Protein backbone atom coordinates (compact mmCIF):
# COMPACT_ATOMS: atom_id res chain seq x y z
CA MET A 1 7.08 32.04 17.38
CA THR A 2 8.85 28.76 18.19
CA GLY A 3 5.55 27.12 19.06
CA VAL A 4 4.01 28.21 15.78
CA VAL A 5 6.98 26.91 13.80
CA LEU A 6 6.84 23.56 15.61
CA ALA A 7 3.10 23.23 15.06
CA VAL A 8 3.33 24.05 11.36
CA ALA A 9 6.26 21.66 10.94
CA ALA A 10 4.38 18.85 12.70
CA VAL A 11 1.28 19.32 10.54
CA LEU A 12 3.42 19.44 7.41
CA GLY A 13 5.26 16.33 8.56
CA ALA A 14 2.02 14.42 9.08
CA ALA A 15 0.91 15.31 5.56
CA VAL A 16 4.29 14.32 4.12
CA GLY A 17 4.20 11.04 6.06
CA ALA A 18 0.80 10.18 4.61
CA LEU A 19 2.03 10.92 1.08
CA VAL A 20 5.19 8.87 1.62
CA ASP A 21 3.10 5.99 2.94
CA ARG A 22 1.06 5.85 -0.25
CA ALA A 23 3.94 6.55 -2.62
CA ALA A 24 6.28 3.93 -1.13
CA ALA A 25 3.53 1.31 -1.16
CA ARG A 26 3.19 1.76 -4.91
CA PHE A 27 6.86 1.80 -5.87
CA PRO A 28 8.00 1.31 -8.61
CA TRP A 29 5.55 3.84 -9.93
CA PRO A 30 2.92 3.47 -11.14
CA ARG A 31 1.59 0.19 -9.76
CA PRO A 32 -0.49 -0.91 -6.77
CA ALA A 33 1.21 -2.62 -3.84
CA THR A 34 0.51 -6.34 -4.25
CA VAL A 35 3.68 -8.14 -3.08
CA GLY A 36 4.54 -8.77 0.56
CA GLY A 37 7.68 -7.24 2.06
CA VAL A 38 9.32 -5.84 5.18
CA LEU A 39 6.86 -3.02 5.73
CA ARG A 40 3.97 -3.85 3.42
CA GLY A 41 0.55 -3.18 4.89
CA SER A 42 -2.98 -2.81 3.62
CA GLY A 43 -3.00 0.20 1.29
CA GLY A 44 0.16 1.74 2.69
CA ALA A 45 3.84 1.13 3.23
CA ALA A 46 3.49 0.83 7.01
CA PRO A 47 0.73 0.11 9.54
CA PRO A 48 -1.96 2.83 9.49
CA GLY A 49 -0.87 6.07 11.12
CA VAL A 50 2.73 5.07 11.78
CA LEU A 51 4.43 7.11 9.06
CA PRO A 52 2.34 10.28 9.52
CA VAL A 53 3.01 10.30 13.27
CA ALA A 54 6.71 9.45 12.90
CA THR A 55 7.26 12.04 10.18
CA ALA A 56 5.38 14.69 12.16
CA ALA A 57 7.68 14.03 15.13
CA LEU A 58 10.73 14.15 12.88
CA PHE A 59 9.68 17.46 11.32
CA ALA A 60 9.06 18.90 14.78
CA LEU A 61 12.56 17.82 15.88
CA VAL A 62 14.09 19.43 12.81
CA ALA A 63 12.13 22.63 13.43
CA LEU A 64 13.19 22.64 17.07
CA ARG A 65 16.84 22.25 16.02
CA PHE A 66 16.93 24.91 13.30
CA GLY A 67 14.08 27.23 14.22
CA ALA A 68 12.68 29.85 11.87
CA THR A 69 15.90 30.14 9.87
CA ALA A 70 16.65 30.18 6.17
CA GLU A 71 18.13 26.68 6.36
CA LEU A 72 15.01 25.11 7.89
CA ALA A 73 13.39 24.53 4.49
CA ALA A 74 16.45 22.61 3.28
CA TRP A 75 16.42 20.36 6.35
CA LEU A 76 12.69 19.69 6.15
CA TRP A 77 13.18 18.76 2.49
CA PHE A 78 16.00 16.44 3.53
CA ALA A 79 13.81 14.85 6.21
CA ALA A 80 10.99 14.26 3.73
CA ALA A 81 13.31 12.77 1.13
CA GLY A 82 15.01 10.69 3.81
CA VAL A 83 11.76 9.13 5.00
CA LEU A 84 10.76 8.21 1.44
CA LEU A 85 14.19 6.81 0.59
CA GLY A 86 14.42 4.89 3.85
CA VAL A 87 11.02 3.24 3.48
CA ILE A 88 11.66 2.30 -0.15
CA ASP A 89 15.04 0.83 0.77
CA LEU A 90 13.50 -1.24 3.56
CA ARG A 91 10.83 -2.56 1.20
CA GLU A 92 12.72 -2.93 -2.06
CA ARG A 93 16.45 -3.01 -1.11
CA LEU A 94 16.82 -0.07 -3.49
CA LEU A 95 17.61 3.65 -3.38
CA PRO A 96 16.16 4.79 -6.71
CA ASP A 97 17.77 7.52 -8.81
CA ARG A 98 14.32 8.95 -9.53
CA VAL A 99 14.11 9.89 -5.84
CA LEU A 100 17.79 10.58 -5.16
CA ALA A 101 18.26 12.99 -8.07
CA PRO A 102 15.44 15.41 -7.17
CA ALA A 103 16.35 15.09 -3.49
CA VAL A 104 19.93 16.21 -4.19
CA ALA A 105 18.80 18.95 -6.60
CA GLY A 106 16.25 20.31 -4.13
CA SER A 107 18.75 20.27 -1.27
CA ALA A 108 21.37 22.08 -3.36
CA VAL A 109 18.89 24.81 -4.32
CA LEU A 110 17.50 25.28 -0.82
CA LEU A 111 20.96 25.35 0.77
CA ALA A 112 22.05 27.90 -1.83
CA VAL A 113 19.02 30.04 -0.91
CA ALA A 114 19.95 29.70 2.77
CA ALA A 115 23.54 30.69 1.99
CA ALA A 116 22.37 33.76 0.10
CA ALA A 117 19.97 34.77 2.89
CA GLY A 118 22.54 34.36 5.64
CA ASP A 119 25.75 35.16 3.74
CA ALA A 120 26.86 31.59 4.48
CA TRP A 121 28.82 30.94 1.31
CA LEU A 122 31.60 29.19 3.21
CA ASP A 123 29.02 26.76 4.60
CA LEU A 124 27.68 26.15 1.10
CA GLY A 125 31.18 25.51 -0.24
CA ARG A 126 31.86 23.08 2.59
CA ALA A 127 28.54 21.36 1.84
CA ALA A 128 29.52 20.86 -1.79
CA LEU A 129 32.93 19.54 -0.79
CA GLY A 130 31.30 17.31 1.84
CA ALA A 131 29.13 15.75 -0.87
CA VAL A 132 32.22 14.91 -2.92
CA VAL A 133 34.14 13.59 0.09
CA LEU A 134 31.37 11.32 1.36
CA PHE A 135 30.55 10.02 -2.13
CA THR A 136 34.21 9.17 -2.65
CA ALA A 137 34.57 7.54 0.77
CA LEU A 138 31.49 5.35 0.30
CA LEU A 139 32.58 4.43 -3.22
CA ALA A 140 35.95 3.33 -1.86
CA LEU A 141 34.19 1.19 0.77
CA ALA A 142 31.91 -0.33 -1.86
CA LEU A 143 34.88 -1.25 -4.06
CA ALA A 144 36.89 -2.59 -1.13
CA ALA A 145 34.05 -4.77 0.17
CA PRO A 146 31.81 -5.80 -2.74
CA GLY A 147 28.29 -6.67 -1.66
CA GLN A 148 28.40 -4.65 1.55
CA LEU A 149 27.39 -1.34 -0.03
CA GLY A 150 25.37 -0.78 -3.17
CA MET A 151 25.69 2.08 -5.62
CA GLY A 152 22.48 3.51 -4.21
CA ASP A 153 24.23 3.86 -0.84
CA VAL A 154 27.20 5.47 -2.56
CA LYS A 155 25.01 7.99 -4.39
CA LEU A 156 23.11 8.67 -1.18
CA GLY A 157 26.45 9.97 0.12
CA VAL A 158 26.01 13.04 -2.09
CA LEU A 159 22.77 13.99 -0.34
CA LEU A 160 24.13 13.25 3.13
CA GLY A 161 27.42 15.00 2.42
CA LEU A 162 25.62 18.17 1.35
CA HIS A 163 23.70 18.45 4.59
CA LEU A 164 26.29 17.19 7.05
CA GLY A 165 28.98 19.21 5.29
CA TRP A 166 26.83 22.30 5.76
CA LEU A 167 26.96 21.69 9.52
CA GLY A 168 30.74 21.13 9.58
CA TRP A 169 33.39 18.46 9.18
CA PRO A 170 32.90 17.03 12.70
CA ALA A 171 29.19 16.60 11.92
CA LEU A 172 30.03 14.81 8.68
CA LEU A 173 32.30 12.36 10.49
CA LEU A 174 29.86 11.87 13.36
CA GLY A 175 26.98 11.25 10.95
CA VAL A 176 28.85 8.47 9.20
CA LEU A 177 29.97 6.88 12.47
CA ALA A 178 26.41 7.07 13.79
CA ALA A 179 25.20 5.22 10.70
CA PHE A 180 27.53 2.28 11.39
CA VAL A 181 26.50 2.24 15.06
CA VAL A 182 22.82 2.21 14.09
CA GLN A 183 23.36 -0.58 11.56
CA ALA A 184 25.28 -2.67 14.08
CA ALA A 185 22.66 -2.16 16.79
CA VAL A 186 19.77 -3.07 14.49
CA SER A 187 21.62 -6.16 13.27
CA LEU A 188 22.24 -7.35 16.84
CA VAL A 189 18.60 -6.83 17.81
CA LEU A 190 17.33 -8.70 14.75
CA LEU A 191 19.80 -11.52 15.35
CA ALA A 192 18.73 -11.81 18.96
CA ALA A 193 15.10 -11.88 17.86
CA ARG A 194 15.98 -14.46 15.19
CA ARG A 195 14.51 -12.28 12.48
CA VAL A 196 17.69 -12.51 10.40
CA GLY A 197 20.66 -14.87 10.12
CA ARG A 198 24.35 -14.11 10.39
CA ARG A 199 24.67 -14.00 6.61
CA SER A 200 21.57 -11.88 6.03
CA GLU A 201 22.14 -8.58 4.26
CA LEU A 202 20.32 -5.56 5.63
CA PRO A 203 19.85 -2.35 3.63
CA PHE A 204 22.32 0.31 4.74
CA GLY A 205 20.46 3.34 3.40
CA PRO A 206 18.09 3.69 6.38
CA ALA A 207 21.03 3.60 8.81
CA LEU A 208 22.89 6.24 6.80
CA LEU A 209 19.83 8.47 6.78
CA LEU A 210 19.06 7.93 10.45
CA GLY A 211 22.67 8.61 11.42
CA ALA A 212 22.61 11.88 9.50
CA LEU A 213 19.27 12.97 10.96
CA LEU A 214 20.33 12.09 14.50
CA THR A 215 23.51 14.09 14.04
CA ALA A 216 21.62 17.05 12.62
CA THR A 217 18.90 17.17 15.25
CA TRP A 218 20.92 16.43 18.38
CA THR A 219 24.10 18.36 17.72
CA ALA A 220 24.77 22.05 17.32
CA GLY A 221 27.80 24.18 16.77
CA LEU A 222 29.87 21.41 15.16
CA ALA A 223 31.97 23.48 12.79
């Protein structure tokens, strides 16, 4: 059964990656991709095949972590939304409400279904509280250090807080810390490669998303 779940998740991930590639290349919708940017390629948001393969691998990791459980759908939804948001942020320096809002709504519904199926109402309550806590924490950081975080990053905290809160408070803390580690590591690599300067501003959304996904896929039992 595990092999079937992994295979289905990988195929679904490849399809989602292809759709994300086309959708991100044409953001803001509707328009064709005509302006150069961080990830712009011919006809897609990334070099041909990169996003389908990467998203297939990500979906397989998520399926391996959660298995054939009621919460798997919520995490696959989160992974799909995360890839789209991350690519758009890299290209446009923007986390659009028109993606964030349905991502949060879909996650809330799917986590509620998982809670009902597994009698995990305490997990759902913690997820809701986690969304509030992370939103508030990121808002405080944005106000304390203007220019370092945008409101898109702050609102992304709702989506991340829902999912990391579902896993537990240690996972929520670890996910945020992982995001800062990822951002620092990427900044150092780009500086060393002379791709950015010391005063360059990098989007923080992809690091937040990657930190959350790393925490979700490589940790278990953090409650």
